[in-house]
Amino acid sequence: MDWSLFADLFTNADRFLITIANEYGILIYVEMFMIFFLETGIVVMAFLPGDSLLFVAGAVTATGAIDPWWLTAIVSLGAILGNTSNFYIGSWLGHKIYDGSISWIDQEALNRTHNFYMAHGGKTIFLARFVPIVRTFAPLIAGAASMPVLRFEFYSITGAIAWVYGLIWAGHFFGNIPIIKEHLTSILLLGIGFALIPTTILAINKFLKNRKQAQKDCVSS
C-alpha cells in the first residue's frame, strides 16, 4: 500500500476513501474500523478525524464506491469496541489517571471530561459521542469511576449507533449537493480544527499559568 495516501486522510478524505475502496476493496472497511476504534480506544489518538470524516464517508457512499450499510455497521462496531477497550483501561488504571503521573494522558482534557461526567452522569457516554475530544476521554473516566459495565455498554452502543448512522447517512443524502461536494475537504479540516480548539485553548491556558507561577517564584526568591 502507498502509505503516502494517508496524508489525504486529513487533507482530501474523499480521495483517500475512493482510492482505498477502488484499489484495495474490502480493506476500506478495515481502515475505517481501525480509525474509529483508535479514536475512542486510545486517548492519544483523539486527534483523528471523527464527525467530519463520517460525513465525508457518507458522501462517498453515494458514489457507489462504498456500501453505506456495511460502512455503518463496521464503523459502529469499531466505535463500540474502542469505547469498551478504553473503559477497561480506565478501570485498570483507576484513580491513578488523576494524579498526573501518566504522561500520555492530557490532564486538562481529562478534567474537562470529568466535569462533563459529573454533570451528566451515565448519559455522558451517549452525549460524549457528539463532542470531539470528550468522547475519547469519557470511557476512561467511566472505567475509573467504576460505572456498571452493562449501563456503560447500553449508553456506548446506543450513542455509537446514533452518531455513526446519523453522520454517514447525512453525508449520503446531502454530501453530493454541488456546493457541499466542492467543499468536502474544507468540511473535514474545519471538523479537525474545531476538535483541536478546546485542547489548544487548555494548553495555552496551562502554559500561561505555569509561566505566571514561575514569575511569582522568581520574585519571591
N, C-alpha and C. Protein backbone atom coordinates (compact mmCIF):
# COMPACT_ATOMS: atom_id res chain seq x y z
N MET A 1 0.84 -1.20 0.00
CA MET A 1 0.00 0.00 0.00
C MET A 1 0.87 1.25 0.00
N ASP A 2 0.42 2.24 -0.74
CA ASP A 2 1.12 3.52 -0.76
C ASP A 2 0.73 4.31 0.49
N TRP A 3 1.64 4.33 1.49
CA TRP A 3 1.31 4.95 2.78
C TRP A 3 1.21 6.47 2.68
N SER A 4 1.71 7.03 1.56
CA SER A 4 1.56 8.48 1.39
C SER A 4 0.10 8.86 1.22
N LEU A 5 -0.73 7.88 0.90
CA LEU A 5 -2.17 8.13 0.78
C LEU A 5 -2.77 8.65 2.08
N PHE A 6 -2.15 8.27 3.21
CA PHE A 6 -2.72 8.64 4.49
C PHE A 6 -2.68 10.15 4.75
N ALA A 7 -1.83 10.85 4.01
CA ALA A 7 -1.84 12.32 4.12
C ALA A 7 -3.19 12.85 3.67
N ASP A 8 -3.82 12.13 2.72
CA ASP A 8 -5.12 12.55 2.20
C ASP A 8 -6.23 12.37 3.23
N LEU A 9 -5.98 11.55 4.24
CA LEU A 9 -6.99 11.36 5.27
C LEU A 9 -7.33 12.67 5.95
N PHE A 10 -6.33 13.57 6.05
CA PHE A 10 -6.54 14.84 6.72
C PHE A 10 -6.74 16.01 5.76
N THR A 11 -6.38 15.83 4.50
CA THR A 11 -6.46 16.96 3.57
C THR A 11 -7.42 16.74 2.40
N ASN A 12 -7.67 15.48 2.08
CA ASN A 12 -8.53 15.18 0.92
C ASN A 12 -9.19 13.82 1.16
N ALA A 13 -10.02 13.77 2.19
CA ALA A 13 -10.54 12.49 2.67
C ALA A 13 -11.35 11.74 1.62
N ASP A 14 -12.12 12.45 0.80
CA ASP A 14 -12.92 11.76 -0.20
C ASP A 14 -12.02 11.01 -1.19
N ARG A 15 -10.90 11.64 -1.57
CA ARG A 15 -9.95 10.98 -2.47
C ARG A 15 -9.34 9.77 -1.80
N PHE A 16 -8.97 9.91 -0.52
CA PHE A 16 -8.40 8.80 0.24
C PHE A 16 -9.35 7.61 0.26
N LEU A 17 -10.61 7.86 0.58
CA LEU A 17 -11.58 6.78 0.72
C LEU A 17 -11.86 6.11 -0.62
N ILE A 18 -12.02 6.91 -1.67
CA ILE A 18 -12.31 6.35 -3.00
C ILE A 18 -11.13 5.53 -3.51
N THR A 19 -9.90 6.03 -3.30
CA THR A 19 -8.70 5.31 -3.74
C THR A 19 -8.57 3.97 -3.03
N ILE A 20 -8.73 3.97 -1.71
CA ILE A 20 -8.64 2.73 -0.95
C ILE A 20 -9.73 1.75 -1.39
N ALA A 21 -10.95 2.26 -1.57
CA ALA A 21 -12.07 1.39 -1.97
C ALA A 21 -11.84 0.79 -3.35
N ASN A 22 -11.37 1.60 -4.29
CA ASN A 22 -11.19 1.12 -5.67
C ASN A 22 -9.99 0.20 -5.81
N GLU A 23 -8.90 0.49 -5.09
CA GLU A 23 -7.67 -0.28 -5.27
C GLU A 23 -7.54 -1.46 -4.32
N TYR A 24 -8.16 -1.37 -3.15
CA TYR A 24 -7.96 -2.42 -2.14
C TYR A 24 -9.26 -3.06 -1.67
N GLY A 25 -10.38 -2.65 -2.24
CA GLY A 25 -11.65 -3.29 -1.96
C GLY A 25 -12.04 -3.28 -0.50
N ILE A 26 -12.17 -4.48 0.08
CA ILE A 26 -12.68 -4.63 1.44
C ILE A 26 -11.80 -3.95 2.48
N LEU A 27 -10.56 -3.64 2.12
CA LEU A 27 -9.65 -3.00 3.07
C LEU A 27 -10.16 -1.65 3.55
N ILE A 28 -11.02 -1.00 2.77
CA ILE A 28 -11.57 0.29 3.19
C ILE A 28 -12.35 0.14 4.49
N TYR A 29 -13.03 -1.00 4.65
CA TYR A 29 -13.80 -1.22 5.87
C TYR A 29 -12.88 -1.49 7.06
N VAL A 30 -11.76 -2.17 6.78
CA VAL A 30 -10.76 -2.42 7.83
C VAL A 30 -10.15 -1.10 8.29
N GLU A 31 -9.83 -0.24 7.32
CA GLU A 31 -9.24 1.07 7.64
C GLU A 31 -10.20 1.91 8.47
N MET A 32 -11.45 1.95 8.07
CA MET A 32 -12.43 2.76 8.80
C MET A 32 -12.69 2.19 10.20
N PHE A 33 -12.71 0.86 10.29
CA PHE A 33 -12.86 0.24 11.61
C PHE A 33 -11.72 0.67 12.53
N MET A 34 -10.48 0.62 12.04
CA MET A 34 -9.33 0.95 12.86
C MET A 34 -9.31 2.42 13.25
N ILE A 35 -9.66 3.30 12.33
CA ILE A 35 -9.68 4.74 12.64
C ILE A 35 -10.62 5.02 13.80
N PHE A 36 -11.82 4.45 13.75
CA PHE A 36 -12.80 4.77 14.78
C PHE A 36 -12.63 3.94 16.05
N PHE A 37 -11.95 2.81 15.92
CA PHE A 37 -11.56 2.08 17.13
C PHE A 37 -10.49 2.86 17.89
N LEU A 38 -9.49 3.34 17.17
CA LEU A 38 -8.38 4.06 17.80
C LEU A 38 -8.82 5.41 18.36
N GLU A 39 -9.75 6.09 17.66
CA GLU A 39 -10.15 7.43 18.10
C GLU A 39 -10.73 7.41 19.51
N THR A 40 -11.49 6.36 19.84
CA THR A 40 -12.05 6.29 21.19
C THR A 40 -11.39 5.23 22.06
N GLY A 41 -10.59 4.36 21.46
CA GLY A 41 -9.95 3.30 22.23
C GLY A 41 -8.63 3.69 22.84
N ILE A 42 -7.94 4.64 22.22
CA ILE A 42 -6.62 5.06 22.69
C ILE A 42 -6.64 6.58 22.82
N VAL A 43 -6.48 7.10 24.03
CA VAL A 43 -6.68 8.54 24.23
C VAL A 43 -5.69 9.40 23.46
N VAL A 44 -4.50 8.88 23.16
CA VAL A 44 -3.53 9.69 22.41
C VAL A 44 -3.92 9.80 20.94
N MET A 45 -4.96 9.10 20.51
CA MET A 45 -5.44 9.16 19.13
C MET A 45 -6.65 10.07 18.99
N ALA A 46 -6.90 10.91 19.99
CA ALA A 46 -8.07 11.79 19.96
C ALA A 46 -8.05 12.78 18.80
N PHE A 47 -6.86 12.98 18.20
CA PHE A 47 -6.74 13.94 17.10
C PHE A 47 -7.32 13.40 15.80
N LEU A 48 -7.58 12.10 15.71
CA LEU A 48 -8.09 11.54 14.45
C LEU A 48 -9.44 12.16 14.10
N PRO A 49 -9.68 12.38 12.81
CA PRO A 49 -10.95 13.00 12.41
C PRO A 49 -12.11 12.07 12.73
N GLY A 50 -13.19 12.63 13.25
CA GLY A 50 -14.33 11.81 13.61
C GLY A 50 -15.57 12.22 12.87
N ASP A 51 -16.27 13.25 13.38
CA ASP A 51 -17.54 13.69 12.81
C ASP A 51 -17.43 14.01 11.31
N SER A 52 -16.44 14.82 10.97
CA SER A 52 -16.33 15.26 9.57
C SER A 52 -15.96 14.11 8.65
N LEU A 53 -15.14 13.16 9.13
CA LEU A 53 -14.78 12.01 8.30
C LEU A 53 -16.00 11.12 8.04
N LEU A 54 -16.85 10.97 9.03
CA LEU A 54 -18.07 10.18 8.82
C LEU A 54 -18.96 10.83 7.77
N PHE A 55 -19.07 12.15 7.82
CA PHE A 55 -19.90 12.86 6.84
C PHE A 55 -19.31 12.69 5.43
N VAL A 56 -17.99 12.86 5.32
CA VAL A 56 -17.34 12.70 4.02
C VAL A 56 -17.49 11.26 3.52
N ALA A 57 -17.33 10.28 4.42
CA ALA A 57 -17.50 8.88 4.03
C ALA A 57 -18.92 8.63 3.54
N GLY A 58 -19.89 9.27 4.20
CA GLY A 58 -21.27 9.14 3.76
C GLY A 58 -21.46 9.68 2.35
N ALA A 59 -20.80 10.80 2.05
CA ALA A 59 -20.88 11.37 0.71
C ALA A 59 -20.28 10.41 -0.32
N VAL A 60 -19.20 9.73 0.06
CA VAL A 60 -18.55 8.78 -0.85
C VAL A 60 -19.45 7.57 -1.11
N THR A 61 -20.25 7.16 -0.11
CA THR A 61 -21.14 6.02 -0.32
C THR A 61 -22.16 6.31 -1.41
N ALA A 62 -22.51 7.57 -1.59
CA ALA A 62 -23.49 7.93 -2.62
C ALA A 62 -22.93 7.73 -4.02
N THR A 63 -21.61 7.63 -4.16
CA THR A 63 -21.00 7.38 -5.47
C THR A 63 -20.98 5.90 -5.82
N GLY A 64 -21.26 5.05 -4.83
CA GLY A 64 -21.24 3.61 -5.07
C GLY A 64 -19.91 2.96 -4.75
N ALA A 65 -18.91 3.74 -4.37
CA ALA A 65 -17.59 3.19 -4.08
C ALA A 65 -17.57 2.38 -2.79
N ILE A 66 -18.45 2.74 -1.85
CA ILE A 66 -18.53 2.08 -0.55
C ILE A 66 -19.99 1.78 -0.25
N ASP A 67 -20.25 0.61 0.31
CA ASP A 67 -21.62 0.27 0.69
C ASP A 67 -21.98 0.96 2.00
N PRO A 68 -23.04 1.79 2.02
CA PRO A 68 -23.35 2.56 3.23
C PRO A 68 -23.76 1.70 4.42
N TRP A 69 -24.44 0.57 4.16
CA TRP A 69 -24.90 -0.26 5.27
C TRP A 69 -23.74 -1.00 5.92
N TRP A 70 -22.83 -1.55 5.10
CA TRP A 70 -21.65 -2.19 5.65
C TRP A 70 -20.78 -1.18 6.40
N LEU A 71 -20.64 -0.01 5.83
CA LEU A 71 -19.82 1.03 6.47
C LEU A 71 -20.41 1.42 7.82
N THR A 72 -21.73 1.63 7.87
CA THR A 72 -22.38 1.99 9.13
C THR A 72 -22.17 0.92 10.19
N ALA A 73 -22.34 -0.35 9.80
CA ALA A 73 -22.20 -1.45 10.75
C ALA A 73 -20.78 -1.59 11.26
N ILE A 74 -19.81 -1.51 10.35
CA ILE A 74 -18.41 -1.74 10.74
C ILE A 74 -17.84 -0.58 11.54
N VAL A 75 -18.17 0.65 11.16
CA VAL A 75 -17.69 1.80 11.93
C VAL A 75 -18.34 1.81 13.32
N SER A 76 -19.63 1.47 13.39
CA SER A 76 -20.31 1.38 14.69
C SER A 76 -19.60 0.36 15.58
N LEU A 77 -19.26 -0.79 15.01
CA LEU A 77 -18.56 -1.82 15.77
C LEU A 77 -17.21 -1.33 16.27
N GLY A 78 -16.47 -0.63 15.40
CA GLY A 78 -15.18 -0.08 15.80
C GLY A 78 -15.32 0.92 16.93
N ALA A 79 -16.33 1.78 16.83
CA ALA A 79 -16.55 2.80 17.86
C ALA A 79 -16.95 2.16 19.19
N ILE A 80 -17.79 1.12 19.14
CA ILE A 80 -18.23 0.44 20.36
C ILE A 80 -17.06 -0.29 21.02
N LEU A 81 -16.29 -1.03 20.22
CA LEU A 81 -15.16 -1.77 20.79
C LEU A 81 -14.07 -0.83 21.30
N GLY A 82 -13.90 0.32 20.62
CA GLY A 82 -12.94 1.32 21.10
C GLY A 82 -13.35 1.84 22.47
N ASN A 83 -14.63 2.15 22.62
CA ASN A 83 -15.15 2.60 23.91
C ASN A 83 -14.92 1.54 25.00
N THR A 84 -15.23 0.29 24.66
CA THR A 84 -15.08 -0.80 25.64
C THR A 84 -13.63 -0.96 26.06
N SER A 85 -12.73 -0.91 25.09
CA SER A 85 -11.30 -1.01 25.39
C SER A 85 -10.85 0.10 26.33
N ASN A 86 -11.27 1.32 26.03
CA ASN A 86 -10.88 2.48 26.83
C ASN A 86 -11.49 2.40 28.22
N PHE A 87 -12.70 1.88 28.32
CA PHE A 87 -13.37 1.70 29.61
C PHE A 87 -12.54 0.78 30.51
N TYR A 88 -12.06 -0.33 29.96
CA TYR A 88 -11.28 -1.27 30.77
C TYR A 88 -9.89 -0.74 31.10
N ILE A 89 -9.35 0.10 30.22
CA ILE A 89 -8.08 0.76 30.55
C ILE A 89 -8.29 1.68 31.75
N GLY A 90 -9.39 2.44 31.74
CA GLY A 90 -9.72 3.32 32.86
C GLY A 90 -9.96 2.54 34.14
N SER A 91 -10.66 1.40 34.01
CA SER A 91 -10.92 0.55 35.16
C SER A 91 -9.62 0.01 35.76
N TRP A 92 -8.69 -0.34 34.89
CA TRP A 92 -7.40 -0.89 35.33
C TRP A 92 -6.54 0.20 36.00
N LEU A 93 -6.54 1.39 35.41
CA LEU A 93 -5.73 2.47 35.95
C LEU A 93 -6.33 3.07 37.22
N GLY A 94 -7.67 3.05 37.31
CA GLY A 94 -8.35 3.61 38.48
C GLY A 94 -8.05 5.08 38.66
N HIS A 95 -7.93 5.50 39.90
CA HIS A 95 -7.76 6.92 40.21
C HIS A 95 -6.34 7.42 39.91
N LYS A 96 -5.47 6.51 39.45
CA LYS A 96 -4.13 6.95 39.05
C LYS A 96 -4.17 7.89 37.85
N ILE A 97 -5.28 7.85 37.11
CA ILE A 97 -5.35 8.72 35.94
C ILE A 97 -5.40 10.20 36.32
N TYR A 98 -5.73 10.48 37.60
CA TYR A 98 -5.88 11.87 38.02
C TYR A 98 -4.64 12.47 38.66
N ASP A 99 -3.64 11.66 38.99
CA ASP A 99 -2.52 12.20 39.76
C ASP A 99 -1.41 12.82 38.92
N GLY A 100 -1.60 12.79 37.58
CA GLY A 100 -0.62 13.43 36.70
C GLY A 100 0.62 12.60 36.42
N SER A 101 0.68 11.39 36.94
CA SER A 101 1.89 10.56 36.77
C SER A 101 1.91 9.82 35.44
N ILE A 102 0.75 9.79 34.75
CA ILE A 102 0.68 9.09 33.46
C ILE A 102 0.83 10.13 32.36
N SER A 103 2.01 10.18 31.76
CA SER A 103 2.38 11.28 30.86
C SER A 103 1.54 11.33 29.59
N TRP A 104 1.02 10.18 29.13
CA TRP A 104 0.28 10.18 27.87
C TRP A 104 -1.18 10.59 28.02
N ILE A 105 -1.58 10.93 29.23
CA ILE A 105 -2.95 11.41 29.44
C ILE A 105 -2.95 12.93 29.56
N ASP A 106 -3.73 13.59 28.73
CA ASP A 106 -3.88 15.04 28.77
C ASP A 106 -4.76 15.40 29.97
N GLN A 107 -4.14 15.89 31.03
CA GLN A 107 -4.87 16.14 32.27
C GLN A 107 -5.96 17.20 32.11
N GLU A 108 -5.70 18.20 31.29
CA GLU A 108 -6.70 19.25 31.09
C GLU A 108 -7.95 18.69 30.42
N ALA A 109 -7.74 17.90 29.36
CA ALA A 109 -8.87 17.29 28.66
C ALA A 109 -9.56 16.28 29.57
N LEU A 110 -8.78 15.58 30.38
CA LEU A 110 -9.34 14.63 31.32
C LEU A 110 -10.24 15.32 32.35
N ASN A 111 -9.76 16.42 32.90
CA ASN A 111 -10.54 17.16 33.90
C ASN A 111 -11.82 17.73 33.30
N ARG A 112 -11.72 18.21 32.06
CA ARG A 112 -12.91 18.76 31.40
C ARG A 112 -13.96 17.65 31.20
N THR A 113 -13.49 16.47 30.82
CA THR A 113 -14.40 15.35 30.63
C THR A 113 -14.98 14.88 31.97
N HIS A 114 -14.16 14.91 33.01
CA HIS A 114 -14.63 14.53 34.34
C HIS A 114 -15.76 15.46 34.79
N ASN A 115 -15.61 16.75 34.55
CA ASN A 115 -16.66 17.72 34.90
C ASN A 115 -17.94 17.44 34.10
N PHE A 116 -17.76 17.08 32.84
CA PHE A 116 -18.88 16.72 31.98
C PHE A 116 -19.58 15.49 32.55
N TYR A 117 -18.79 14.51 32.99
CA TYR A 117 -19.32 13.27 33.55
C TYR A 117 -20.09 13.56 34.84
N MET A 118 -19.53 14.42 35.69
CA MET A 118 -20.18 14.75 36.95
C MET A 118 -21.52 15.47 36.72
N ALA A 119 -21.59 16.25 35.63
CA ALA A 119 -22.81 17.00 35.33
C ALA A 119 -23.91 16.12 34.73
N HIS A 120 -23.50 15.13 33.93
CA HIS A 120 -24.49 14.36 33.18
C HIS A 120 -24.58 12.89 33.58
N GLY A 121 -23.69 12.42 34.44
CA GLY A 121 -23.74 11.03 34.89
C GLY A 121 -23.52 10.06 33.75
N GLY A 122 -24.24 8.93 33.80
CA GLY A 122 -24.07 7.88 32.79
C GLY A 122 -24.39 8.34 31.39
N LYS A 123 -25.29 9.33 31.27
CA LYS A 123 -25.65 9.83 29.94
C LYS A 123 -24.45 10.45 29.22
N THR A 124 -23.39 10.74 29.98
CA THR A 124 -22.17 11.29 29.37
C THR A 124 -21.67 10.41 28.24
N ILE A 125 -21.75 9.10 28.42
CA ILE A 125 -21.23 8.16 27.41
C ILE A 125 -21.99 8.31 26.10
N PHE A 126 -23.30 8.55 26.19
CA PHE A 126 -24.10 8.79 24.98
C PHE A 126 -23.81 10.17 24.42
N LEU A 127 -23.91 11.19 25.24
CA LEU A 127 -23.74 12.57 24.79
C LEU A 127 -22.33 12.84 24.27
N ALA A 128 -21.34 12.20 24.88
CA ALA A 128 -19.94 12.45 24.51
C ALA A 128 -19.65 12.07 23.06
N ARG A 129 -20.44 11.15 22.51
CA ARG A 129 -20.24 10.76 21.11
C ARG A 129 -20.28 11.96 20.17
N PHE A 130 -21.00 12.98 20.57
CA PHE A 130 -21.20 14.13 19.69
C PHE A 130 -20.30 15.30 20.06
N VAL A 131 -19.33 15.07 20.97
CA VAL A 131 -18.42 16.12 21.42
C VAL A 131 -16.98 15.66 21.20
N PRO A 132 -16.27 16.22 20.21
CA PRO A 132 -14.87 15.83 19.97
C PRO A 132 -14.03 15.95 21.23
N ILE A 133 -13.02 15.11 21.34
CA ILE A 133 -12.10 15.01 22.47
C ILE A 133 -12.79 14.40 23.68
N VAL A 134 -13.95 14.97 24.09
CA VAL A 134 -14.67 14.43 25.25
C VAL A 134 -15.03 12.97 25.01
N ARG A 135 -15.42 12.61 23.77
CA ARG A 135 -15.82 11.23 23.50
C ARG A 135 -14.65 10.25 23.69
N THR A 136 -13.41 10.73 23.54
CA THR A 136 -12.26 9.86 23.71
C THR A 136 -11.95 9.63 25.18
N PHE A 137 -12.18 10.64 26.01
CA PHE A 137 -11.85 10.52 27.43
C PHE A 137 -13.01 9.99 28.27
N ALA A 138 -14.24 10.08 27.78
CA ALA A 138 -15.41 9.67 28.56
C ALA A 138 -15.35 8.20 29.00
N PRO A 139 -15.00 7.25 28.11
CA PRO A 139 -14.93 5.85 28.57
C PRO A 139 -13.85 5.64 29.63
N LEU A 140 -12.75 6.36 29.51
CA LEU A 140 -11.67 6.25 30.50
C LEU A 140 -12.17 6.69 31.87
N ILE A 141 -12.89 7.82 31.90
CA ILE A 141 -13.46 8.34 33.14
C ILE A 141 -14.46 7.35 33.72
N ALA A 142 -15.33 6.80 32.86
CA ALA A 142 -16.36 5.86 33.32
C ALA A 142 -15.72 4.61 33.93
N GLY A 143 -14.65 4.13 33.30
CA GLY A 143 -13.96 2.96 33.84
C GLY A 143 -13.32 3.25 35.18
N ALA A 144 -12.67 4.40 35.30
CA ALA A 144 -12.02 4.78 36.56
C ALA A 144 -13.05 5.00 37.65
N ALA A 145 -14.26 5.44 37.28
CA ALA A 145 -15.32 5.69 38.25
C ALA A 145 -16.13 4.44 38.59
N SER A 146 -15.71 3.29 38.04
CA SER A 146 -16.38 2.00 38.30
C SER A 146 -17.85 2.03 37.90
N MET A 147 -18.15 2.66 36.77
CA MET A 147 -19.51 2.64 36.25
C MET A 147 -19.90 1.20 35.93
N PRO A 148 -21.10 0.75 36.28
CA PRO A 148 -21.52 -0.63 35.96
C PRO A 148 -21.37 -0.92 34.47
N VAL A 149 -20.81 -2.09 34.15
CA VAL A 149 -20.48 -2.42 32.76
C VAL A 149 -21.71 -2.42 31.86
N LEU A 150 -22.80 -3.03 32.30
CA LEU A 150 -23.99 -3.10 31.45
C LEU A 150 -24.57 -1.72 31.18
N ARG A 151 -24.54 -0.86 32.18
CA ARG A 151 -25.03 0.51 31.99
C ARG A 151 -24.13 1.25 31.00
N PHE A 152 -22.82 1.06 31.16
CA PHE A 152 -21.87 1.69 30.24
C PHE A 152 -22.13 1.22 28.81
N GLU A 153 -22.25 -0.09 28.63
CA GLU A 153 -22.43 -0.63 27.27
C GLU A 153 -23.74 -0.17 26.65
N PHE A 154 -24.79 -0.02 27.44
CA PHE A 154 -26.06 0.48 26.90
C PHE A 154 -25.87 1.86 26.29
N TYR A 155 -25.27 2.78 27.06
CA TYR A 155 -25.05 4.13 26.56
C TYR A 155 -24.03 4.15 25.42
N SER A 156 -23.01 3.30 25.52
CA SER A 156 -21.97 3.25 24.49
C SER A 156 -22.54 2.78 23.15
N ILE A 157 -23.31 1.70 23.18
CA ILE A 157 -23.86 1.14 21.94
C ILE A 157 -24.88 2.07 21.31
N THR A 158 -25.82 2.58 22.12
CA THR A 158 -26.84 3.47 21.55
C THR A 158 -26.22 4.77 21.04
N GLY A 159 -25.23 5.28 21.77
CA GLY A 159 -24.56 6.51 21.34
C GLY A 159 -23.80 6.32 20.04
N ALA A 160 -23.06 5.20 19.94
CA ALA A 160 -22.27 4.93 18.73
C ALA A 160 -23.17 4.79 17.51
N ILE A 161 -24.25 4.04 17.66
CA ILE A 161 -25.15 3.82 16.52
C ILE A 161 -25.80 5.13 16.07
N ALA A 162 -26.26 5.93 17.03
CA ALA A 162 -26.90 7.21 16.68
C ALA A 162 -25.92 8.14 15.98
N TRP A 163 -24.68 8.20 16.49
CA TRP A 163 -23.65 9.09 15.94
C TRP A 163 -23.24 8.66 14.54
N VAL A 164 -22.89 7.38 14.41
CA VAL A 164 -22.40 6.87 13.13
C VAL A 164 -23.50 6.90 12.07
N TYR A 165 -24.65 6.37 12.42
CA TYR A 165 -25.76 6.33 11.46
C TYR A 165 -26.15 7.74 11.02
N GLY A 166 -26.27 8.64 11.99
CA GLY A 166 -26.70 10.00 11.67
C GLY A 166 -25.76 10.70 10.71
N LEU A 167 -24.46 10.63 10.98
CA LEU A 167 -23.50 11.37 10.16
C LEU A 167 -23.25 10.72 8.81
N ILE A 168 -23.15 9.39 8.77
CA ILE A 168 -22.92 8.72 7.48
C ILE A 168 -24.11 8.95 6.55
N TRP A 169 -25.31 8.83 7.06
CA TRP A 169 -26.47 8.98 6.18
C TRP A 169 -26.78 10.44 5.86
N ALA A 170 -26.36 11.35 6.73
CA ALA A 170 -26.45 12.77 6.37
C ALA A 170 -25.52 13.05 5.20
N GLY A 171 -24.31 12.49 5.27
CA GLY A 171 -23.38 12.65 4.15
C GLY A 171 -23.88 11.98 2.89
N HIS A 172 -24.50 10.81 3.05
CA HIS A 172 -25.02 10.07 1.90
C HIS A 172 -26.08 10.87 1.15
N PHE A 173 -26.98 11.52 1.89
CA PHE A 173 -28.08 12.23 1.27
C PHE A 173 -27.75 13.67 0.88
N PHE A 174 -26.84 14.31 1.65
CA PHE A 174 -26.58 15.73 1.41
C PHE A 174 -25.16 16.03 0.92
N GLY A 175 -24.26 15.07 1.05
CA GLY A 175 -22.85 15.33 0.74
C GLY A 175 -22.55 15.55 -0.72
N ASN A 176 -23.46 15.14 -1.60
CA ASN A 176 -23.22 15.32 -3.03
C ASN A 176 -24.01 16.48 -3.62
N ILE A 177 -24.60 17.30 -2.77
CA ILE A 177 -25.13 18.58 -3.24
C ILE A 177 -23.92 19.40 -3.70
N PRO A 178 -23.95 19.94 -4.93
CA PRO A 178 -22.75 20.56 -5.52
C PRO A 178 -21.94 21.46 -4.59
N ILE A 179 -22.59 22.39 -3.91
CA ILE A 179 -21.83 23.34 -3.08
C ILE A 179 -21.14 22.63 -1.90
N ILE A 180 -21.77 21.58 -1.39
CA ILE A 180 -21.17 20.81 -0.29
C ILE A 180 -20.06 19.92 -0.83
N LYS A 181 -20.32 19.26 -1.97
CA LYS A 181 -19.33 18.36 -2.56
C LYS A 181 -18.04 19.09 -2.89
N GLU A 182 -18.15 20.33 -3.34
CA GLU A 182 -16.96 21.11 -3.70
C GLU A 182 -16.14 21.50 -2.48
N HIS A 183 -16.72 21.40 -1.29
CA HIS A 183 -16.01 21.86 -0.10
C HIS A 183 -15.87 20.75 0.95
N LEU A 184 -15.83 19.48 0.51
CA LEU A 184 -15.69 18.37 1.45
C LEU A 184 -14.39 18.45 2.23
N THR A 185 -13.30 18.83 1.55
CA THR A 185 -12.02 18.96 2.24
C THR A 185 -12.08 20.03 3.31
N SER A 186 -12.72 21.15 2.98
CA SER A 186 -12.86 22.23 3.97
C SER A 186 -13.68 21.78 5.16
N ILE A 187 -14.73 20.99 4.90
CA ILE A 187 -15.57 20.47 5.99
C ILE A 187 -14.75 19.59 6.91
N LEU A 188 -13.90 18.72 6.30
CA LEU A 188 -13.05 17.84 7.10
C LEU A 188 -12.07 18.63 7.94
N LEU A 189 -11.39 19.61 7.32
CA LEU A 189 -10.40 20.39 8.04
C LEU A 189 -11.04 21.24 9.14
N LEU A 190 -12.23 21.76 8.86
CA LEU A 190 -12.94 22.51 9.89
C LEU A 190 -13.29 21.62 11.07
N GLY A 191 -13.71 20.40 10.76
CA GLY A 191 -14.04 19.45 11.81
C GLY A 191 -12.84 19.14 12.69
N ILE A 192 -11.68 18.91 12.06
CA ILE A 192 -10.45 18.66 12.82
C ILE A 192 -10.08 19.88 13.63
N GLY A 193 -10.22 21.06 13.01
CA GLY A 193 -9.88 22.30 13.70
C GLY A 193 -10.73 22.54 14.93
N PHE A 194 -12.03 22.32 14.78
CA PHE A 194 -12.94 22.51 15.93
C PHE A 194 -12.63 21.50 17.04
N ALA A 195 -12.22 20.30 16.64
CA ALA A 195 -11.88 19.29 17.64
C ALA A 195 -10.64 19.68 18.43
N LEU A 196 -9.72 20.39 17.77
CA LEU A 196 -8.46 20.75 18.42
C LEU A 196 -8.55 22.05 19.21
N ILE A 197 -9.57 22.87 18.94
CA ILE A 197 -9.67 24.17 19.62
C ILE A 197 -9.69 24.06 21.14
N PRO A 198 -10.56 23.19 21.72
CA PRO A 198 -10.58 23.13 23.18
C PRO A 198 -9.24 22.73 23.78
N THR A 199 -8.60 21.73 23.17
CA THR A 199 -7.31 21.28 23.69
C THR A 199 -6.25 22.37 23.56
N THR A 200 -6.28 23.10 22.44
CA THR A 200 -5.31 24.18 22.23
C THR A 200 -5.50 25.28 23.26
N ILE A 201 -6.75 25.65 23.51
CA ILE A 201 -7.04 26.69 24.50
C ILE A 201 -6.56 26.26 25.88
N LEU A 202 -6.85 25.00 26.22
CA LEU A 202 -6.42 24.49 27.52
C LEU A 202 -4.90 24.46 27.64
N ALA A 203 -4.22 24.08 26.56
CA ALA A 203 -2.76 24.03 26.58
C ALA A 203 -2.17 25.42 26.75
N ILE A 204 -2.72 26.41 26.05
CA ILE A 204 -2.25 27.79 26.17
C ILE A 204 -2.49 28.31 27.58
N ASN A 205 -3.68 28.02 28.10
CA ASN A 205 -4.03 28.45 29.45
C ASN A 205 -3.07 27.84 30.48
N LYS A 206 -2.76 26.56 30.30
CA LYS A 206 -1.84 25.89 31.21
C LYS A 206 -0.45 26.50 31.13
N PHE A 207 -0.01 26.81 29.89
CA PHE A 207 1.31 27.43 29.70
C PHE A 207 1.37 28.78 30.39
N LEU A 208 0.31 29.58 30.22
CA LEU A 208 0.29 30.91 30.84
C LEU A 208 0.28 30.83 32.36
N LYS A 209 -0.47 29.86 32.90
CA LYS A 209 -0.50 29.68 34.34
C LYS A 209 0.87 29.28 34.88
N ASN A 210 1.52 28.35 34.17
CA ASN A 210 2.84 27.91 34.59
C ASN A 210 3.86 29.05 34.51
N ARG A 211 3.73 29.86 33.47
CA ARG A 211 4.64 30.99 33.31
C ARG A 211 4.42 32.02 34.41
N LYS A 212 3.15 32.26 34.72
CA LYS A 212 2.83 33.23 35.78
C LYS A 212 3.34 32.73 37.13
N GLN A 213 3.20 31.44 37.38
CA GLN A 213 3.67 30.86 38.63
C GLN A 213 5.19 30.94 38.73
N ALA A 214 5.86 30.70 37.58
CA ALA A 214 7.33 30.78 37.56
C ALA A 214 7.80 32.19 37.86
N GLN A 215 7.07 33.18 37.30
CA GLN A 215 7.43 34.57 37.58
C GLN A 215 7.24 34.92 39.05
N LYS A 216 6.17 34.40 39.67
CA LYS A 216 5.94 34.64 41.09
C LYS A 216 7.04 34.01 41.94
N ASP A 217 7.45 32.80 41.53
CA ASP A 217 8.51 32.11 42.27
C ASP A 217 9.82 32.86 42.18
N CYS A 218 10.09 33.46 41.00
CA CYS A 218 11.32 34.23 40.83
C CYS A 218 11.31 35.48 41.72
N VAL A 219 10.14 36.14 41.78
CA VAL A 219 10.01 37.37 42.58
C VAL A 219 10.17 37.03 44.06
N SER A 220 9.54 35.96 44.50
CA SER A 220 9.59 35.59 45.92
C SER A 220 10.97 35.13 46.36
N SER A 221 11.73 34.59 45.39
CA SER A 221 13.08 34.13 45.74
C SER A 221 14.09 35.27 45.68
